[in-house]
Structure formats: structure tokens, C-alpha cells
């Protein structure tokens, strides 16, 4: 299904996010630090024929999760809201200056094996928004059409010996994108279709546990 990058799509996605029954926010376990990521909706191409979300490939010089696929985001500063953190990180990583009026909604918090409780924030970037990646944090930026996220077979679930939970994977351009990124995109895909699907129990691959 192709979703045009226009006001009608923005309104529809905002309605789906408003209808989504988010699990109640809770204080993280003592070992978990709060973080936020942005699910940024942009034009898939210059013709704005379709809506896409932004994915980044993390720079190889980063201390943690170097060279991995990720949604833009990071740790919340002391006293900072999840929305504030997502918008700040979006500016620091990609040079995008968006505000609270661009936020369409929040998805469920996701606890990671590496010690974070991530809040996904869905935001809409106008066609005029300029993306300017920070090379110290971002190796490359990719526009993933929502049609690719919603296609049959985009996600699969596998088992690993180290856990009794299913590992979720998003297949893209011959590569696998894993949780937490894949789990958050999967929940967003479900929200687009009007389903309140939970993802906190979906597992990450062992390499993402540190």
C-alpha cells in the first residue's frame, strides 16, 4: 500500500496514533536508563509520491552499537521528556529542527538488553525539512518507504539458544535489521493498520545485548 506524502496521510497517521492505546508509562527498573527515538516520516523521494521513515546507520567511531541500524535518538537528559529528547537528538544527529507540533504520537516503551527503556516518538517532517547528518554519529541515512514496512514478509521471527523469546528481524535490501529498531518499526506498522500489538517481549540478537 502506497501512502502519499501529503496532509491526508499525516492526518490519518495522527488519528491512528491517537487511537493507539499505549501501555501506561512506568518508572524504569533501576538498571534501565530512559531514552527516546524518533520515527521520522518524510517523503520517500523528491516527487513526494510516497511516505517513508528515516533509518540511520550508526557511525563506526561510536562507543556503543557502532555500525548498526538505528532510529535517530539517544539517552534522555536529566529532567528531559521523551519528546524533548527525541527532538533534540534528531537535531543533533540529522540537523532536523522539528517541534512539538510535528509530533503525531508515542508508542510503547521498549526495554533493551543494553540497559535502556526506549520511548518511540512519531514525528512528521515537512517536505521543506533539510537533513544534514552529523558524521560523528551517523554513517548514512536511508528513507524506508512505508509500503516496504507494510509488505508481506517484511518481518520474521526466529529463535536463539540464549533466550526463550522470539527474535524479530526486518528484512531490507538484502540485510536484516534487528530489535530494538525492528521491534519499534513493527509496532508502528501495526499502529498504521489499527492494531494495538505489543512488542516489549520481542528479543534482540545477542550482539545487541551490550
N, C-alpha and C. Protein backbone atom coordinates (compact mmCIF):
# COMPACT_ATOMS: atom_id res chain seq x y z
N UNK A 1 0.85 -1.20 0.00
CA UNK A 1 0.00 0.00 0.00
C UNK A 1 0.89 1.25 0.00
N UNK A 2 0.72 2.10 -0.97
CA UNK A 2 1.48 3.34 -1.06
C UNK A 2 0.73 4.43 -0.30
N UNK A 3 1.41 5.08 0.61
CA UNK A 3 0.82 6.18 1.37
C UNK A 3 1.45 7.48 0.89
N UNK A 4 0.72 8.31 0.14
CA UNK A 4 1.29 9.56 -0.37
C UNK A 4 1.77 10.45 0.76
N UNK A 5 2.80 11.21 0.49
CA UNK A 5 3.32 12.15 1.48
C UNK A 5 2.52 13.44 1.36
N UNK A 6 1.39 13.48 2.06
CA UNK A 6 0.52 14.65 1.96
C UNK A 6 -0.24 14.83 3.27
N UNK A 7 -1.04 15.89 3.33
CA UNK A 7 -1.76 16.21 4.56
C UNK A 7 -2.75 15.12 4.94
N UNK A 8 -3.34 14.47 3.95
CA UNK A 8 -4.31 13.42 4.25
C UNK A 8 -3.62 12.25 4.97
N UNK A 9 -2.44 11.89 4.51
CA UNK A 9 -1.69 10.81 5.17
C UNK A 9 -1.26 11.24 6.57
N UNK A 10 -0.82 12.48 6.70
CA UNK A 10 -0.44 12.98 8.03
C UNK A 10 -1.61 12.88 8.99
N UNK A 11 -2.77 13.32 8.56
CA UNK A 11 -3.95 13.27 9.44
C UNK A 11 -4.31 11.84 9.78
N UNK A 12 -4.23 10.94 8.79
CA UNK A 12 -4.59 9.55 9.03
C UNK A 12 -3.66 8.91 10.04
N UNK A 13 -2.36 9.15 9.89
CA UNK A 13 -1.40 8.56 10.83
C UNK A 13 -1.57 9.17 12.22
N UNK A 14 -1.84 10.47 12.28
CA UNK A 14 -2.09 11.11 13.58
C UNK A 14 -3.31 10.49 14.25
N UNK A 15 -4.33 10.18 13.47
CA UNK A 15 -5.53 9.54 14.02
C UNK A 15 -5.22 8.14 14.54
N UNK A 16 -4.41 7.39 13.77
CA UNK A 16 -4.04 6.04 14.21
C UNK A 16 -3.23 6.10 15.51
N UNK A 17 -2.32 7.07 15.60
CA UNK A 17 -1.52 7.22 16.82
C UNK A 17 -2.40 7.61 18.01
N UNK A 18 -3.40 8.48 17.76
CA UNK A 18 -4.30 8.90 18.83
C UNK A 18 -5.17 7.73 19.30
N UNK A 19 -5.53 6.84 18.38
CA UNK A 19 -6.36 5.68 18.72
C UNK A 19 -5.56 4.58 19.43
N UNK A 20 -4.24 4.59 19.26
CA UNK A 20 -3.40 3.56 19.85
C UNK A 20 -3.44 3.66 21.37
N UNK A 21 -3.72 2.55 22.02
CA UNK A 21 -3.78 2.52 23.48
C UNK A 21 -2.40 2.17 24.01
N UNK A 22 -1.65 3.18 24.36
CA UNK A 22 -0.28 2.98 24.83
C UNK A 22 -0.28 2.40 26.24
N UNK A 23 0.61 1.47 26.50
CA UNK A 23 0.73 0.94 27.85
C UNK A 23 1.11 2.06 28.80
N UNK A 24 0.60 2.05 30.03
CA UNK A 24 0.91 3.14 30.97
C UNK A 24 2.41 3.29 31.17
N UNK A 25 2.86 4.54 31.19
CA UNK A 25 4.27 4.80 31.44
C UNK A 25 4.61 4.40 32.87
N UNK A 26 5.77 3.84 33.05
CA UNK A 26 6.20 3.41 34.38
C UNK A 26 7.64 3.81 34.60
N UNK A 27 8.00 3.95 35.85
CA UNK A 27 9.39 4.23 36.16
C UNK A 27 10.23 3.03 35.76
N UNK A 28 11.34 3.27 35.08
CA UNK A 28 12.15 2.13 34.64
C UNK A 28 12.77 1.40 35.82
N UNK A 29 13.12 0.16 35.59
CA UNK A 29 13.86 -0.58 36.59
C UNK A 29 15.16 0.19 36.88
N UNK A 30 15.68 0.04 38.10
CA UNK A 30 16.89 0.82 38.46
C UNK A 30 18.04 0.67 37.46
N UNK A 31 18.12 -0.49 36.81
CA UNK A 31 19.23 -0.72 35.89
C UNK A 31 18.99 -0.10 34.51
N UNK A 32 17.78 0.39 34.25
CA UNK A 32 17.46 0.92 32.93
C UNK A 32 17.50 2.45 32.93
N UNK A 33 18.09 3.00 31.89
CA UNK A 33 18.15 4.45 31.71
C UNK A 33 17.14 4.84 30.63
N UNK A 34 16.48 5.96 30.81
CA UNK A 34 15.47 6.40 29.83
C UNK A 34 16.14 6.93 28.56
N UNK A 35 15.52 6.58 27.44
CA UNK A 35 15.99 7.04 26.13
C UNK A 35 14.77 7.26 25.24
N UNK A 36 14.97 7.93 24.14
CA UNK A 36 13.88 8.17 23.19
C UNK A 36 14.43 8.12 21.78
N UNK A 37 13.60 7.64 20.86
CA UNK A 37 13.96 7.64 19.44
C UNK A 37 12.83 8.28 18.65
N UNK A 38 13.15 8.75 17.47
CA UNK A 38 12.16 9.38 16.60
C UNK A 38 11.86 8.48 15.40
N UNK A 39 10.61 8.19 15.20
CA UNK A 39 10.16 7.57 13.96
C UNK A 39 9.74 8.73 13.06
N UNK A 40 10.67 9.15 12.20
CA UNK A 40 10.50 10.38 11.42
C UNK A 40 9.89 10.04 10.06
N UNK A 41 8.76 10.65 9.76
CA UNK A 41 8.08 10.42 8.49
C UNK A 41 8.43 11.54 7.52
N UNK A 42 8.91 11.15 6.35
CA UNK A 42 9.40 12.08 5.33
C UNK A 42 8.92 11.62 3.97
N UNK A 43 9.20 12.42 2.96
CA UNK A 43 8.92 12.00 1.58
C UNK A 43 9.93 10.94 1.16
N UNK A 44 9.44 9.90 0.50
CA UNK A 44 10.34 8.82 0.08
C UNK A 44 11.29 9.27 -1.01
N UNK A 45 10.90 10.30 -1.77
CA UNK A 45 11.74 10.83 -2.84
C UNK A 45 11.36 12.28 -3.09
N UNK A 46 12.05 12.91 -4.01
CA UNK A 46 11.80 14.33 -4.27
C UNK A 46 10.40 14.57 -4.83
N UNK A 47 9.83 13.57 -5.49
CA UNK A 47 8.49 13.73 -6.03
C UNK A 47 7.40 13.62 -4.98
N UNK A 48 7.78 13.25 -3.76
CA UNK A 48 6.83 13.12 -2.64
C UNK A 48 5.67 12.19 -2.99
N UNK A 49 5.94 11.17 -3.80
CA UNK A 49 4.89 10.25 -4.20
C UNK A 49 4.50 9.30 -3.08
N UNK A 50 5.38 9.12 -2.11
CA UNK A 50 5.11 8.17 -1.04
C UNK A 50 5.75 8.65 0.26
N UNK A 51 5.23 8.13 1.37
CA UNK A 51 5.77 8.44 2.69
C UNK A 51 6.78 7.38 3.10
N UNK A 52 7.85 7.83 3.75
CA UNK A 52 8.89 6.93 4.21
C UNK A 52 9.25 7.28 5.65
N UNK A 53 9.98 6.38 6.31
CA UNK A 53 10.56 6.70 7.61
C UNK A 53 12.08 6.69 7.49
N UNK A 54 12.73 7.41 8.37
CA UNK A 54 14.19 7.54 8.31
C UNK A 54 14.86 6.49 9.19
N UNK A 55 15.86 5.84 8.62
CA UNK A 55 16.73 4.95 9.37
C UNK A 55 18.16 5.44 9.19
N UNK A 56 18.96 5.27 10.22
CA UNK A 56 20.37 5.64 10.11
C UNK A 56 21.24 4.41 10.31
N UNK A 57 22.42 4.49 9.75
CA UNK A 57 23.47 3.52 10.05
C UNK A 57 24.45 4.25 10.94
N UNK A 58 24.63 3.74 12.16
CA UNK A 58 25.45 4.43 13.14
C UNK A 58 26.92 4.46 12.73
N UNK A 59 27.58 5.54 13.05
CA UNK A 59 28.98 5.71 12.69
C UNK A 59 29.84 4.65 13.37
N UNK A 60 30.91 4.25 12.70
CA UNK A 60 31.78 3.19 13.23
C UNK A 60 32.63 3.67 14.39
N UNK A 61 32.73 4.98 14.59
CA UNK A 61 33.55 5.51 15.67
C UNK A 61 32.82 5.64 17.00
N UNK A 62 31.53 5.31 17.03
CA UNK A 62 30.77 5.43 18.26
C UNK A 62 31.18 4.36 19.28
N UNK A 63 31.01 4.67 20.54
CA UNK A 63 31.42 3.75 21.60
C UNK A 63 30.53 2.52 21.66
N UNK A 64 29.21 2.70 21.46
CA UNK A 64 28.27 1.60 21.58
C UNK A 64 27.47 1.42 20.29
N UNK A 65 27.18 0.17 19.96
CA UNK A 65 26.33 -0.17 18.81
C UNK A 65 26.83 0.46 17.50
N UNK A 66 28.13 0.53 17.37
CA UNK A 66 28.72 1.12 16.16
C UNK A 66 28.36 0.29 14.94
N UNK A 67 28.09 0.98 13.83
CA UNK A 67 27.81 0.31 12.57
C UNK A 67 26.47 -0.41 12.51
N UNK A 68 25.58 -0.16 13.47
CA UNK A 68 24.28 -0.84 13.49
C UNK A 68 23.19 0.09 12.97
N UNK A 69 22.11 -0.53 12.46
CA UNK A 69 20.94 0.23 12.04
C UNK A 69 20.24 0.79 13.27
N UNK A 70 19.70 2.00 13.14
CA UNK A 70 19.03 2.62 14.28
C UNK A 70 18.06 3.70 13.82
N UNK A 71 17.08 3.95 14.66
CA UNK A 71 16.26 5.15 14.53
C UNK A 71 17.01 6.28 15.24
N UNK A 72 16.93 7.51 14.74
CA UNK A 72 17.63 8.61 15.42
C UNK A 72 17.12 8.77 16.84
N UNK A 73 18.03 8.94 17.77
CA UNK A 73 17.63 9.10 19.17
C UNK A 73 18.79 8.86 20.11
N UNK A 74 18.47 8.86 21.41
CA UNK A 74 19.51 8.66 22.40
C UNK A 74 18.96 8.83 23.80
N UNK A 75 19.86 8.91 24.75
CA UNK A 75 19.51 8.96 26.17
C UNK A 75 18.84 10.29 26.53
N UNK A 76 17.85 10.23 27.42
CA UNK A 76 17.21 11.45 27.92
C UNK A 76 18.12 12.12 28.95
N UNK A 77 18.25 13.43 28.83
CA UNK A 77 18.97 14.19 29.85
C UNK A 77 18.13 14.27 31.11
N UNK A 78 18.75 14.61 32.23
CA UNK A 78 18.03 14.76 33.50
C UNK A 78 16.90 15.77 33.35
N UNK A 79 15.68 15.35 33.71
CA UNK A 79 14.54 16.25 33.65
C UNK A 79 13.94 16.43 32.27
N UNK A 80 14.48 15.76 31.28
CA UNK A 80 14.02 15.92 29.90
C UNK A 80 12.90 14.93 29.60
N UNK A 81 11.88 15.38 28.88
CA UNK A 81 10.81 14.49 28.47
C UNK A 81 11.26 13.63 27.30
N UNK A 82 10.51 12.57 27.05
CA UNK A 82 10.83 11.71 25.91
C UNK A 82 10.71 12.48 24.59
N UNK A 83 9.68 13.30 24.48
CA UNK A 83 9.50 14.11 23.26
C UNK A 83 10.66 15.07 23.10
N UNK A 84 11.02 15.75 24.18
CA UNK A 84 12.14 16.70 24.12
C UNK A 84 13.43 16.02 23.73
N UNK A 85 13.68 14.83 24.28
CA UNK A 85 14.91 14.10 23.96
C UNK A 85 14.93 13.67 22.51
N UNK A 86 13.80 13.15 22.01
CA UNK A 86 13.74 12.70 20.62
C UNK A 86 13.99 13.85 19.66
N UNK A 87 13.38 15.00 19.93
CA UNK A 87 13.56 16.16 19.04
C UNK A 87 14.98 16.70 19.12
N UNK A 88 15.55 16.71 20.33
CA UNK A 88 16.94 17.18 20.47
C UNK A 88 17.90 16.26 19.72
N UNK A 89 17.76 14.96 19.93
CA UNK A 89 18.64 14.01 19.26
C UNK A 89 18.48 14.07 17.74
N UNK A 90 17.27 14.30 17.30
CA UNK A 90 17.01 14.41 15.87
C UNK A 90 17.78 15.59 15.27
N UNK A 91 17.83 16.67 16.00
CA UNK A 91 18.59 17.83 15.54
C UNK A 91 20.08 17.56 15.60
N UNK A 92 20.54 16.92 16.69
CA UNK A 92 21.97 16.67 16.83
C UNK A 92 22.49 15.67 15.81
N UNK A 93 21.70 14.66 15.48
CA UNK A 93 22.16 13.62 14.56
C UNK A 93 21.93 13.97 13.10
N UNK A 94 20.76 14.57 12.80
CA UNK A 94 20.39 14.77 11.39
C UNK A 94 20.16 16.23 11.02
N UNK A 95 20.34 17.14 11.97
CA UNK A 95 20.15 18.55 11.67
C UNK A 95 18.71 18.96 11.44
N UNK A 96 17.76 18.09 11.77
CA UNK A 96 16.34 18.38 11.58
C UNK A 96 15.81 19.17 12.77
N UNK A 97 15.23 20.33 12.50
CA UNK A 97 14.65 21.15 13.56
C UNK A 97 13.14 21.01 13.51
N UNK A 98 12.61 20.14 14.36
CA UNK A 98 11.17 19.93 14.45
C UNK A 98 10.71 20.29 15.85
N UNK A 99 9.41 20.58 15.97
CA UNK A 99 8.87 20.99 17.25
C UNK A 99 7.74 20.10 17.72
N UNK A 100 7.15 20.47 18.85
CA UNK A 100 6.08 19.67 19.44
C UNK A 100 4.89 19.53 18.50
N UNK A 101 4.65 20.54 17.67
CA UNK A 101 3.51 20.48 16.74
C UNK A 101 3.71 19.43 15.65
N UNK A 102 4.94 18.95 15.48
CA UNK A 102 5.23 17.93 14.47
C UNK A 102 5.10 16.51 15.03
N UNK A 103 4.86 16.40 16.32
CA UNK A 103 4.73 15.09 16.97
C UNK A 103 3.33 14.54 16.74
N UNK A 104 3.24 13.31 16.22
CA UNK A 104 1.96 12.67 15.96
C UNK A 104 1.53 11.73 17.07
N UNK A 105 2.48 11.25 17.87
CA UNK A 105 2.11 10.35 18.95
C UNK A 105 3.31 9.58 19.48
N UNK A 106 3.05 8.78 20.52
CA UNK A 106 4.07 7.95 21.15
C UNK A 106 3.64 6.49 21.11
N UNK A 107 4.62 5.59 21.00
CA UNK A 107 4.36 4.17 21.06
C UNK A 107 4.80 3.63 22.42
N UNK A 108 4.71 2.32 22.60
CA UNK A 108 5.07 1.72 23.89
C UNK A 108 6.56 1.83 24.18
N UNK A 109 6.89 1.94 25.44
CA UNK A 109 8.29 1.87 25.86
C UNK A 109 8.83 0.46 25.59
N UNK A 110 10.10 0.41 25.21
CA UNK A 110 10.75 -0.88 24.91
C UNK A 110 12.03 -0.99 25.74
N UNK A 111 12.12 -2.02 26.62
CA UNK A 111 13.35 -2.22 27.41
C UNK A 111 14.39 -2.99 26.61
N UNK A 112 15.61 -2.48 26.58
CA UNK A 112 16.66 -3.13 25.81
C UNK A 112 17.60 -3.92 26.71
N UNK A 113 18.27 -4.88 26.09
CA UNK A 113 19.26 -5.68 26.81
C UNK A 113 20.48 -4.86 27.21
N UNK A 114 20.68 -3.74 26.51
CA UNK A 114 21.86 -2.91 26.79
C UNK A 114 21.61 -1.88 27.88
N UNK A 115 20.41 -1.93 28.50
CA UNK A 115 20.19 -1.10 29.68
C UNK A 115 19.38 0.16 29.50
N UNK A 116 18.53 0.22 28.45
CA UNK A 116 17.74 1.41 28.22
C UNK A 116 16.25 1.08 28.14
N UNK A 117 15.43 2.06 28.49
CA UNK A 117 13.99 1.99 28.27
C UNK A 117 13.67 3.04 27.22
N UNK A 118 13.38 2.59 26.01
CA UNK A 118 13.24 3.50 24.86
C UNK A 118 11.77 3.86 24.63
N UNK A 119 11.51 5.15 24.50
CA UNK A 119 10.19 5.64 24.10
C UNK A 119 10.23 6.08 22.64
N UNK A 120 9.45 5.45 21.76
CA UNK A 120 9.41 5.87 20.36
C UNK A 120 8.44 7.06 20.17
N UNK A 121 8.90 8.10 19.50
CA UNK A 121 8.11 9.30 19.25
C UNK A 121 7.91 9.43 17.74
N UNK A 122 6.66 9.42 17.29
CA UNK A 122 6.35 9.52 15.86
C UNK A 122 6.25 10.99 15.48
N UNK A 123 7.04 11.42 14.51
CA UNK A 123 7.05 12.83 14.10
C UNK A 123 6.94 12.94 12.58
N UNK A 124 6.41 14.06 12.13
CA UNK A 124 6.22 14.33 10.71
C UNK A 124 7.13 15.48 10.30
N UNK A 125 7.97 15.25 9.31
CA UNK A 125 8.86 16.30 8.80
C UNK A 125 8.28 16.85 7.50
N UNK A 126 8.19 18.15 7.37
CA UNK A 126 7.64 18.74 6.15
C UNK A 126 8.57 18.49 4.97
N UNK A 127 8.03 18.69 3.78
CA UNK A 127 8.83 18.50 2.57
C UNK A 127 10.00 19.47 2.51
N UNK A 128 9.91 20.56 3.26
CA UNK A 128 10.99 21.57 3.26
C UNK A 128 12.11 21.24 4.23
N UNK A 129 11.90 20.22 5.06
CA UNK A 129 12.91 19.87 6.07
C UNK A 129 14.20 19.41 5.40
N UNK A 130 15.32 19.93 5.88
CA UNK A 130 16.62 19.60 5.32
C UNK A 130 17.35 18.65 6.26
N UNK A 131 17.83 17.53 5.72
CA UNK A 131 18.56 16.55 6.51
C UNK A 131 20.05 16.76 6.32
N UNK A 132 20.75 16.99 7.43
CA UNK A 132 22.19 17.23 7.39
C UNK A 132 22.86 16.36 8.45
N UNK A 133 23.23 15.11 8.11
CA UNK A 133 23.73 14.16 9.10
C UNK A 133 25.04 14.62 9.75
N UNK A 134 25.16 14.35 11.04
CA UNK A 134 26.39 14.60 11.78
C UNK A 134 27.30 13.38 11.57
N UNK A 135 28.42 13.53 10.86
CA UNK A 135 29.26 12.37 10.54
C UNK A 135 29.88 11.69 11.76
N UNK A 136 29.93 12.37 12.88
CA UNK A 136 30.46 11.75 14.09
C UNK A 136 29.49 10.72 14.67
N UNK A 137 28.21 10.84 14.31
CA UNK A 137 27.21 9.93 14.85
C UNK A 137 26.55 9.06 13.78
N UNK A 138 26.49 9.56 12.56
CA UNK A 138 25.71 8.89 11.51
C UNK A 138 26.58 8.62 10.29
N UNK A 139 26.66 7.35 9.90
CA UNK A 139 27.42 7.00 8.69
C UNK A 139 26.59 7.24 7.44
N UNK A 140 25.29 6.96 7.50
CA UNK A 140 24.41 7.18 6.34
C UNK A 140 22.96 7.23 6.80
N UNK A 141 22.13 7.85 5.97
CA UNK A 141 20.69 7.99 6.25
C UNK A 141 19.91 7.34 5.12
N UNK A 142 18.86 6.61 5.49
CA UNK A 142 18.08 5.86 4.50
C UNK A 142 16.60 6.14 4.67
N UNK A 143 15.90 6.31 3.54
CA UNK A 143 14.46 6.51 3.55
C UNK A 143 13.80 5.16 3.21
N UNK A 144 13.05 4.63 4.16
CA UNK A 144 12.39 3.34 4.01
C UNK A 144 10.91 3.59 3.76
N UNK A 145 10.44 3.34 2.55
CA UNK A 145 9.04 3.58 2.22
C UNK A 145 8.13 2.77 3.13
N UNK A 146 7.03 3.38 3.57
CA UNK A 146 6.10 2.65 4.43
C UNK A 146 5.53 1.43 3.72
N UNK A 147 5.46 1.48 2.40
CA UNK A 147 5.00 0.31 1.65
C UNK A 147 5.92 -0.88 1.87
N UNK A 148 7.22 -0.62 2.03
CA UNK A 148 8.18 -1.70 2.30
C UNK A 148 8.01 -2.23 3.72
N UNK A 149 7.67 -1.37 4.64
CA UNK A 149 7.44 -1.79 6.02
C UNK A 149 6.17 -2.63 6.13
N UNK A 150 5.17 -2.29 5.31
CA UNK A 150 3.87 -2.95 5.40
C UNK A 150 3.72 -4.17 4.48
N UNK A 151 4.72 -4.45 3.66
CA UNK A 151 4.59 -5.57 2.73
C UNK A 151 4.62 -6.91 3.47
N UNK A 152 3.99 -7.91 2.86
CA UNK A 152 4.02 -9.26 3.42
C UNK A 152 5.45 -9.77 3.46
N UNK A 153 5.82 -10.39 4.56
CA UNK A 153 7.16 -10.97 4.68
C UNK A 153 8.23 -9.99 5.07
N UNK A 154 7.87 -8.74 5.38
CA UNK A 154 8.89 -7.75 5.75
C UNK A 154 9.55 -8.12 7.08
N UNK A 155 8.80 -8.77 7.97
CA UNK A 155 9.32 -9.15 9.28
C UNK A 155 9.27 -10.67 9.43
N UNK A 156 10.25 -11.19 10.15
CA UNK A 156 10.16 -12.59 10.54
C UNK A 156 10.65 -12.76 11.97
N UNK A 157 10.44 -13.96 12.51
CA UNK A 157 10.73 -14.24 13.91
C UNK A 157 11.50 -15.55 13.99
N UNK A 158 12.63 -15.51 14.69
CA UNK A 158 13.48 -16.70 14.80
C UNK A 158 13.82 -16.94 16.27
N UNK A 159 14.25 -18.16 16.56
CA UNK A 159 14.69 -18.50 17.89
C UNK A 159 16.20 -18.48 18.01
N UNK A 160 16.70 -18.26 19.24
CA UNK A 160 18.12 -18.34 19.51
C UNK A 160 18.31 -19.17 20.78
N UNK A 161 19.45 -19.85 20.92
CA UNK A 161 19.68 -20.70 22.10
C UNK A 161 19.73 -19.90 23.40
N UNK A 162 20.10 -18.64 23.32
CA UNK A 162 20.33 -17.85 24.54
C UNK A 162 19.04 -17.32 25.18
N UNK A 163 17.89 -17.48 24.51
CA UNK A 163 16.66 -16.90 25.04
C UNK A 163 15.45 -17.73 24.60
N UNK A 164 14.40 -17.70 25.42
CA UNK A 164 13.16 -18.36 25.03
C UNK A 164 12.19 -17.39 24.37
N UNK A 165 12.65 -16.17 24.14
CA UNK A 165 11.84 -15.16 23.45
C UNK A 165 12.20 -15.13 21.97
N UNK A 166 11.24 -14.77 21.13
CA UNK A 166 11.46 -14.72 19.70
C UNK A 166 12.27 -13.47 19.30
N UNK A 167 13.23 -13.65 18.43
CA UNK A 167 13.98 -12.53 17.87
C UNK A 167 13.24 -12.03 16.63
N UNK A 168 12.96 -10.73 16.60
CA UNK A 168 12.30 -10.14 15.44
C UNK A 168 13.34 -9.54 14.50
N UNK A 169 13.09 -9.71 13.18
CA UNK A 169 14.00 -9.15 12.18
C UNK A 169 13.17 -8.47 11.09
N UNK A 170 13.66 -7.33 10.61
CA UNK A 170 13.07 -6.62 9.48
C UNK A 170 14.00 -6.79 8.30
N UNK A 171 13.50 -7.39 7.25
CA UNK A 171 14.33 -7.64 6.07
C UNK A 171 14.27 -6.43 5.13
N UNK A 172 15.46 -5.86 4.86
CA UNK A 172 15.51 -4.68 4.00
C UNK A 172 16.75 -4.71 3.12
N UNK A 173 16.55 -4.65 1.83
CA UNK A 173 17.63 -4.58 0.84
C UNK A 173 18.69 -5.66 1.08
N UNK A 174 18.22 -6.87 1.32
CA UNK A 174 19.13 -7.99 1.49
C UNK A 174 19.80 -8.05 2.84
N UNK A 175 19.43 -7.18 3.76
CA UNK A 175 20.03 -7.15 5.09
C UNK A 175 18.94 -7.35 6.13
N UNK A 176 19.34 -7.71 7.35
CA UNK A 176 18.41 -7.84 8.45
C UNK A 176 18.63 -6.70 9.43
N UNK A 177 17.55 -6.02 9.79
CA UNK A 177 17.55 -5.02 10.84
C UNK A 177 16.87 -5.65 12.04
N UNK A 178 17.54 -5.65 13.19
CA UNK A 178 17.06 -6.37 14.37
C UNK A 178 16.46 -5.41 15.40
N UNK A 179 15.91 -6.02 16.45
CA UNK A 179 15.42 -5.25 17.60
C UNK A 179 16.62 -4.63 18.32
N UNK A 180 16.44 -3.48 18.98
CA UNK A 180 15.15 -2.85 19.21
C UNK A 180 14.54 -2.12 18.02
N UNK A 181 15.35 -1.72 17.04
CA UNK A 181 14.83 -0.96 15.91
C UNK A 181 13.71 -1.70 15.19
N UNK A 182 13.91 -2.99 14.90
CA UNK A 182 12.89 -3.76 14.18
C UNK A 182 11.60 -3.86 14.99
N UNK A 183 11.71 -4.01 16.31
CA UNK A 183 10.52 -4.12 17.14
C UNK A 183 9.70 -2.83 17.12
N UNK A 184 10.38 -1.70 17.17
CA UNK A 184 9.68 -0.41 17.17
C UNK A 184 9.02 -0.15 15.83
N UNK A 185 9.71 -0.47 14.74
CA UNK A 185 9.13 -0.29 13.41
C UNK A 185 7.93 -1.23 13.24
N UNK A 186 8.05 -2.45 13.77
CA UNK A 186 6.95 -3.41 13.67
C UNK A 186 5.72 -2.89 14.41
N UNK A 187 5.90 -2.35 15.61
CA UNK A 187 4.73 -1.82 16.31
C UNK A 187 4.13 -0.65 15.55
N UNK A 188 4.97 0.21 14.97
CA UNK A 188 4.44 1.31 14.17
C UNK A 188 3.65 0.78 12.98
N UNK A 189 4.15 -0.27 12.32
CA UNK A 189 3.42 -0.88 11.21
C UNK A 189 2.05 -1.35 11.68
N UNK A 190 1.99 -1.96 12.85
CA UNK A 190 0.72 -2.44 13.39
C UNK A 190 -0.22 -1.28 13.70
N UNK A 191 0.32 -0.18 14.24
CA UNK A 191 -0.49 1.00 14.52
C UNK A 191 -1.09 1.56 13.22
N UNK A 192 -0.30 1.56 12.15
CA UNK A 192 -0.81 2.03 10.86
C UNK A 192 -2.04 1.26 10.43
N UNK A 193 -2.10 -0.02 10.80
CA UNK A 193 -3.23 -0.87 10.44
C UNK A 193 -4.29 -0.95 11.53
N UNK A 194 -4.15 -0.10 12.56
CA UNK A 194 -5.17 -0.03 13.59
C UNK A 194 -5.11 -1.11 14.64
N UNK A 195 -3.93 -1.70 14.84
CA UNK A 195 -3.80 -2.78 15.82
C UNK A 195 -2.90 -2.36 16.98
N UNK A 196 -3.32 -2.70 18.20
CA UNK A 196 -2.51 -2.43 19.39
C UNK A 196 -1.68 -3.68 19.70
N UNK A 197 -0.58 -3.84 18.98
CA UNK A 197 0.28 -5.02 19.12
C UNK A 197 1.46 -4.68 20.01
N UNK A 198 1.70 -5.52 21.03
CA UNK A 198 2.78 -5.26 21.98
C UNK A 198 4.08 -5.91 21.50
N UNK A 199 5.21 -5.26 21.79
CA UNK A 199 6.49 -5.75 21.28
C UNK A 199 7.58 -5.86 22.33
N UNK A 200 7.28 -5.50 23.58
CA UNK A 200 8.33 -5.46 24.61
C UNK A 200 8.98 -6.81 24.83
N UNK A 201 8.26 -7.90 24.56
CA UNK A 201 8.82 -9.23 24.79
C UNK A 201 9.58 -9.77 23.57
N UNK A 202 9.60 -9.04 22.48
CA UNK A 202 10.36 -9.48 21.32
C UNK A 202 11.85 -9.30 21.60
N UNK A 203 12.61 -10.32 21.28
CA UNK A 203 14.02 -10.39 21.66
C UNK A 203 14.93 -9.69 20.67
N UNK A 204 16.11 -9.34 21.18
CA UNK A 204 17.18 -8.77 20.37
C UNK A 204 18.25 -9.83 20.14
N UNK A 205 19.02 -9.71 19.05
CA UNK A 205 20.13 -10.66 18.85
C UNK A 205 21.21 -10.44 19.91
N UNK A 206 21.99 -11.46 20.15
CA UNK A 206 22.99 -11.40 21.23
C UNK A 206 23.97 -10.25 21.03
N UNK A 207 24.32 -9.92 19.78
CA UNK A 207 25.31 -8.85 19.58
C UNK A 207 24.79 -7.49 20.04
N UNK A 208 23.46 -7.36 20.22
CA UNK A 208 22.88 -6.09 20.66
C UNK A 208 22.69 -6.04 22.17
N UNK A 209 23.13 -7.06 22.89
CA UNK A 209 22.92 -7.11 24.32
C UNK A 209 23.88 -6.23 25.10
N UNK A 210 24.93 -5.74 24.45
CA UNK A 210 25.92 -4.93 25.17
C UNK A 210 25.86 -3.47 24.75
